[in-house]
Protein backbone atom coordinates (compact mmCIF):
# COMPACT_ATOMS: atom_id res chain seq x y z
CA UNK A 1 -151.68 -62.68 8.78
CA UNK A 2 -154.69 -63.51 6.67
CA UNK A 3 -156.46 -60.04 7.59
CA UNK A 4 -153.15 -58.14 5.93
CA UNK A 5 -153.28 -60.30 2.61
CA UNK A 6 -157.05 -59.39 2.25
CA UNK A 7 -156.34 -55.99 3.26
CA UNK A 8 -153.61 -55.47 1.00
CA UNK A 9 -155.71 -57.36 -2.35
CA UNK A 10 -158.74 -54.96 -1.01
CA UNK A 11 -156.39 -52.02 -1.61
CA UNK A 12 -154.86 -53.29 -4.97
CA UNK A 13 -158.69 -53.96 -6.29
CA UNK A 14 -159.89 -50.67 -5.03
CA UNK A 15 -156.92 -48.60 -6.69
CA UNK A 16 -157.28 -50.12 -9.78
CA UNK A 17 -160.88 -49.48 -10.03
CA UNK A 18 -160.06 -45.90 -9.07
CA UNK A 19 -157.53 -45.79 -11.78
CA UNK A 20 -160.08 -47.13 -14.29
CA UNK A 21 -162.17 -44.26 -13.48
CA UNK A 22 -159.72 -41.64 -13.42
CA UNK A 23 -158.89 -42.84 -17.18
CA UNK A 24 -162.41 -42.59 -17.98
CA UNK A 25 -162.50 -39.05 -17.04
CA UNK A 26 -158.98 -37.51 -17.49
CA UNK A 27 -157.51 -39.94 -19.73
CA UNK A 28 -159.71 -40.85 -22.55
CA UNK A 29 -159.46 -37.97 -24.81
CA UNK A 30 -155.52 -37.81 -24.24
CA UNK A 31 -155.26 -41.39 -25.74
CA UNK A 32 -157.02 -40.42 -28.73
CA UNK A 33 -154.98 -37.53 -29.24
CA UNK A 34 -151.91 -38.76 -28.80
CA UNK A 35 -152.49 -42.14 -30.50
CA UNK A 36 -153.43 -40.44 -33.57
CA UNK A 37 -150.95 -37.75 -33.38
CA UNK A 38 -148.04 -40.33 -32.78
CA UNK A 39 -149.23 -42.07 -35.76
CA UNK A 40 -149.21 -39.28 -38.26
CA UNK A 41 -145.75 -38.41 -37.27
CA UNK A 42 -144.74 -42.23 -37.60
CA UNK A 43 -146.27 -41.81 -41.20
CA UNK A 44 -145.10 -38.66 -41.88
CA UNK A 45 -141.53 -39.65 -41.31
CA UNK A 46 -142.06 -43.00 -43.06
CA UNK A 47 -143.61 -41.42 -46.60
CA UNK A 48 -141.07 -38.70 -46.65
CA UNK A 49 -143.60 -35.61 -46.21
CA UNK A 50 -147.33 -34.75 -45.67
CA UNK A 51 -149.60 -37.69 -45.53
CA UNK A 52 -152.57 -38.23 -48.01
CA UNK A 53 -156.09 -39.00 -46.60
CA UNK A 54 -155.98 -42.36 -48.23
CA UNK A 55 -158.05 -45.16 -46.73
CA UNK A 56 -155.35 -47.06 -45.92
CA UNK A 57 -153.77 -43.98 -44.14
CA UNK A 58 -156.99 -44.05 -42.15
CA UNK A 59 -157.24 -47.55 -41.11
CA UNK A 60 -153.50 -47.40 -39.49
CA UNK A 61 -154.75 -44.23 -37.46
CA UNK A 62 -157.54 -45.91 -36.46
CA UNK A 63 -155.45 -48.62 -35.15
CA UNK A 64 -153.13 -45.99 -33.09
CA UNK A 65 -155.72 -44.16 -31.94
CA UNK A 66 -156.99 -47.90 -30.19
CA UNK A 67 -153.35 -48.52 -29.48
CA UNK A 68 -153.22 -45.20 -27.50
CA UNK A 69 -156.11 -45.15 -25.64
CA UNK A 70 -155.24 -49.10 -24.58
CA UNK A 71 -151.92 -47.61 -23.65
CA UNK A 72 -153.15 -44.98 -21.51
CA UNK A 73 -155.81 -47.04 -19.78
CA UNK A 74 -153.53 -50.15 -19.03
CA UNK A 75 -150.81 -47.50 -17.34
CA UNK A 76 -153.89 -45.37 -15.58
CA UNK A 77 -154.67 -49.03 -13.91
CA UNK A 78 -151.24 -49.98 -13.32
CA UNK A 79 -150.53 -47.02 -11.34
CA UNK A 80 -153.76 -46.85 -9.36
CA UNK A 81 -153.47 -50.54 -8.37
CA UNK A 82 -150.06 -49.93 -7.35
CA UNK A 83 -150.93 -47.02 -5.01
CA UNK A 84 -153.99 -48.65 -3.76
CA UNK A 85 -151.44 -51.55 -2.86
CA UNK A 86 -149.09 -48.74 -0.73
CA UNK A 87 -152.26 -48.01 0.90
CA UNK A 88 -153.52 -51.14 1.53
CA UNK A 89 -149.94 -51.48 3.29
CA UNK A 90 -149.93 -48.69 4.98
CA UNK A 91 -153.59 -48.91 6.41
CA UNK A 92 -152.27 -52.57 7.65
CA UNK A 93 -149.09 -50.86 8.99
CA UNK A 94 -150.91 -48.60 11.04
CA UNK A 95 -154.06 -51.05 12.10
CA UNK A 96 -151.30 -53.84 13.11
CA UNK A 97 -150.37 -52.63 16.12
CA UNK A 98 -153.65 -52.23 17.40
CA UNK A 99 -154.78 -55.86 16.62
CA UNK A 100 -151.67 -57.19 18.16
CA UNK A 101 -152.48 -54.89 21.61
CA UNK A 102 -155.98 -55.94 21.70
CA UNK A 103 -154.27 -59.78 21.53
CA UNK A 104 -152.02 -58.77 24.12
CA UNK A 105 -154.73 -57.75 26.13
CA UNK A 106 -157.07 -60.69 25.75
CA UNK A 107 -155.26 -63.23 27.47
CA UNK A 108 -154.28 -60.94 30.62
CA UNK A 109 -158.00 -60.44 31.30
CA UNK A 110 -158.56 -63.98 31.31
CA UNK A 111 -156.30 -64.58 34.48
């Protein structure tokens, strides 16, 4: 039972690490893009027209970029850890019958 929990935890950690690596490779640029674009769309609707590049607008866009990067990063890490947990359960399910057979055969050999 303890080995099962350790295997699932290890799968979760490996999945989260792979999710973070995938975010760094594939998600950083889209985080900048969607964060800035989404912020500009919201500002356009709030102001009722084209947005002038003032200092306040630039600060709001910077916060939007940060929010976009953090959101995509957290989604990547969570999805990676969920997939890793699933793989941990799968590996445990595949290896569990072998452990049960070994435990059943060990007392039989001592008789």
